[in-house]
């Protein structure tokens, strides 16, 4: 499980756009999306069910940190969770995030 991720510079909106662009060129992008809703960053997985992982967004001096808040994991996704989160962590890191698992 991704406990948190932080970005040392830039806005959450810019980061989410970069992650979305990165996902669009990958298989993972067919089932995963990242969005901002108020003070939360929501990662959604949609294929054979729908799962959501919600992170609380905290702005910091130059960047931001997102901390795991809650989740709703579809029964059909539980078996693949570790693999999908590993791939997603790599996408987040490739866009400048430090991920804590």
Protein backbone atom coordinates (compact mmCIF):
# COMPACT_ATOMS: atom_id res chain seq x y z
CA UNK A 1 0.00 0.00 0.00
CA UNK A 2 1.20 3.50 -0.79
CA UNK A 3 1.21 5.28 2.59
CA UNK A 4 2.16 8.69 1.20
CA UNK A 5 3.95 10.51 -1.55
CA UNK A 6 5.50 13.95 -1.64
CA UNK A 7 6.74 16.35 -4.28
CA UNK A 8 9.37 18.91 -3.33
CA UNK A 9 8.39 21.59 -5.85
CA UNK A 10 5.42 22.57 -7.97
CA UNK A 11 1.68 22.39 -7.53
CA UNK A 12 -0.53 19.36 -7.14
CA UNK A 13 -2.40 20.33 -10.33
CA UNK A 14 0.82 20.37 -12.37
CA UNK A 15 1.94 17.06 -10.90
CA UNK A 16 -1.41 15.38 -11.57
CA UNK A 17 -1.28 16.59 -15.17
CA UNK A 18 2.23 15.14 -15.60
CA UNK A 19 1.16 11.81 -14.09
CA UNK A 20 -1.94 11.73 -16.31
CA UNK A 21 0.23 12.36 -19.37
CA UNK A 22 2.62 9.58 -18.31
CA UNK A 23 -0.23 7.14 -17.73
CA UNK A 24 -1.77 7.84 -21.14
CA UNK A 25 1.16 6.15 -22.88
CA UNK A 26 1.07 2.97 -20.75
CA UNK A 27 -1.16 -0.05 -20.27
CA UNK A 28 -1.71 1.13 -16.70
CA UNK A 29 -3.35 4.28 -18.11
CA UNK A 30 -6.21 2.16 -19.44
CA UNK A 31 -7.32 1.33 -15.91
CA UNK A 32 -5.81 4.01 -13.63
CA UNK A 33 -6.47 7.72 -13.29
CA UNK A 34 -5.47 10.45 -10.84
CA UNK A 35 -7.65 13.43 -9.97
CA UNK A 36 -7.93 16.28 -7.48
CA UNK A 37 -11.11 16.79 -5.48
CA UNK A 38 -10.95 19.61 -2.95
CA UNK A 39 -8.11 18.77 -0.55
CA UNK A 40 -7.87 15.17 -1.72
CA UNK A 41 -5.97 13.38 -4.46
CA UNK A 42 -7.93 10.37 -5.70
CA UNK A 43 -6.41 7.44 -7.56
CA UNK A 44 -9.08 5.41 -9.34
CA UNK A 45 -8.77 1.96 -10.90
CA UNK A 46 -11.59 0.97 -13.25
CA UNK A 47 -11.72 -2.45 -14.90
CA UNK A 48 -13.87 -5.31 -13.70
CA UNK A 49 -14.95 -3.11 -10.81
CA UNK A 50 -13.96 0.26 -9.41
CA UNK A 51 -11.44 0.99 -6.67
CA UNK A 52 -10.49 4.35 -5.16
CA UNK A 53 -7.56 5.28 -2.97
CA UNK A 54 -7.90 8.72 -1.38
CA UNK A 55 -4.97 10.81 -0.17
CA UNK A 56 -5.20 13.98 1.91
CA UNK A 57 -3.30 16.82 0.20
CA UNK A 58 -1.11 19.00 2.42
CA UNK A 59 0.64 21.96 0.85
CA UNK A 60 4.22 22.50 1.97
CA UNK A 61 6.68 25.37 1.49
CA UNK A 62 7.65 24.50 -2.08
CA UNK A 63 5.59 21.44 -2.87
CA UNK A 64 3.06 19.14 -1.25
CA UNK A 65 2.57 15.82 0.52
CA UNK A 66 -0.29 13.37 0.07
CA UNK A 67 -1.07 11.00 2.95
CA UNK A 68 -3.29 7.91 2.67
CA UNK A 69 -6.73 8.78 4.02
CA UNK A 70 -9.08 5.99 2.93
CA UNK A 71 -9.77 3.46 0.24
CA UNK A 72 -12.48 1.35 -1.36
CA UNK A 73 -10.93 -1.66 -3.10
CA UNK A 74 -13.05 -3.80 -5.39
CA UNK A 75 -12.98 -7.51 -4.61
CA UNK A 76 -11.77 -8.20 -8.16
CA UNK A 77 -8.78 -5.86 -7.70
CA UNK A 78 -7.44 -7.27 -4.42
CA UNK A 79 -5.36 -9.99 -6.10
CA UNK A 80 -3.64 -7.47 -8.39
CA UNK A 81 -3.21 -4.64 -5.90
CA UNK A 82 0.47 -5.14 -5.14
CA UNK A 83 1.46 -5.29 -8.82
CA UNK A 84 -0.64 -2.29 -9.84
CA UNK A 85 0.53 -0.14 -6.90
CA UNK A 86 4.15 -1.04 -7.72
CA UNK A 87 3.68 0.17 -11.30
CA UNK A 88 1.86 3.29 -10.13
CA UNK A 89 4.65 4.06 -7.63
CA UNK A 90 7.16 3.99 -10.50
CA UNK A 91 5.02 6.44 -12.49
CA UNK A 92 4.74 8.78 -9.49
CA UNK A 93 8.51 8.59 -8.91
CA UNK A 94 9.30 9.18 -12.59
CA UNK A 95 7.38 12.46 -12.27
CA UNK A 96 9.32 13.66 -9.22
CA UNK A 97 7.49 12.12 -6.26
CA UNK A 98 9.06 10.44 -3.27
CA UNK A 99 6.83 7.45 -2.45
CA UNK A 100 6.53 5.81 0.98
CA UNK A 101 5.18 2.26 0.93
